[in-house]
Each structure stands twice: as structure tokens, then as C-alpha cells.
Protein backbone atom coordinates (compact mmCIF):
# COMPACT_ATOMS: atom_id res chain seq x y z
CA MET A 1 0.02 -0.18 -0.43
CA ALA A 2 2.89 2.00 0.94
CA ILE A 3 4.44 1.58 -2.84
CA PHE A 4 1.20 2.18 -4.35
CA ALA A 5 0.97 5.28 -2.75
CA LEU A 6 4.41 6.71 -3.02
CA ILE A 7 4.22 5.84 -6.94
CA PHE A 8 0.97 7.41 -7.57
CA GLY A 9 2.36 10.62 -5.56
CA VAL A 10 4.97 10.85 -8.15
CA VAL A 11 2.69 10.24 -10.88
CA GLY A 12 0.30 12.91 -9.55
CA LEU A 13 3.20 15.71 -8.77
CA VAL A 14 4.48 14.83 -12.62
CA SER A 15 0.82 15.26 -14.03
CA GLY A 16 0.71 18.55 -12.39
CA PHE A 17 3.90 20.03 -13.11
CA ASN A 18 2.81 19.13 -16.77
CA GLU A 19 -0.76 19.77 -16.82
CA SER A 20 -1.33 23.17 -18.91
CA ASN A 21 -4.67 24.24 -16.86
CA MET A 22 -3.69 26.04 -13.93
CA ALA A 23 -6.28 24.66 -11.46
CA LEU A 24 -5.98 21.07 -12.94
CA ALA A 25 -2.28 21.46 -11.53
CA THR A 26 -3.17 22.67 -8.57
CA VAL A 27 -5.11 19.63 -7.96
CA TYR A 28 -2.79 17.11 -9.21
CA VAL A 29 0.20 18.64 -7.30
CA GLY A 30 -1.53 18.39 -3.93
CA ALA A 31 -2.92 14.97 -4.68
CA GLY A 32 0.29 13.87 -5.16
CA CYS A 33 1.83 15.59 -2.08
CA ALA A 34 -0.90 14.02 -0.41
CA MET A 35 -0.27 10.58 -1.32
CA LEU A 36 3.38 11.25 -0.90
CA PHE A 37 3.12 12.01 2.67
CA PHE A 38 0.96 9.32 3.38
CA GLY A 39 2.87 7.06 1.68
CA GLY A 40 6.05 8.05 3.72
CA SER A 41 4.00 8.13 7.00
CA ILE A 42 2.82 4.38 6.66
CA ILE A 43 6.33 3.46 6.13
CA ALA A 44 7.78 5.56 9.05
CA ALA A 45 5.18 3.58 11.43
CA ARG A 46 6.46 0.13 9.91
CA PHE A 47 9.92 1.26 10.80
CA ARG A 48 9.24 2.84 14.60
CA ALA A 49 7.00 -0.77 15.26
CA ILE A 50 9.88 -2.68 14.44
CA GLN A 51 12.31 -0.60 16.31
CA ARG A 52 10.09 -1.40 19.62
């Protein structure tokens, strides 16, 4: 799940930066950043759980 979130986050960012419509680009970049954040938080939570 974390891997898919990171992949879709990167796809969202790339799509957002290549989009000519500014409103749609903002949505893509925002969603991409959110997906990267959630994917990273899943990995961080798993890493913290392993260390305990």
C-alpha cells in the first residue's frame, strides 16, 4: 500500500507539473503531495513499530 501511494504520488506530481490548466495542475500537485505524505507516513510507522 505504501509503495502504491508513493508511485501514485510521483505520478500526480509529474502530471501536475506538466498540466497546462492551472486549476487542474494545482489539484494534481496537491493530491500527489498528499499521497507522498501518506506513503511516507506508512513507511515511518512500520519502521517505528519494528524498532520497538
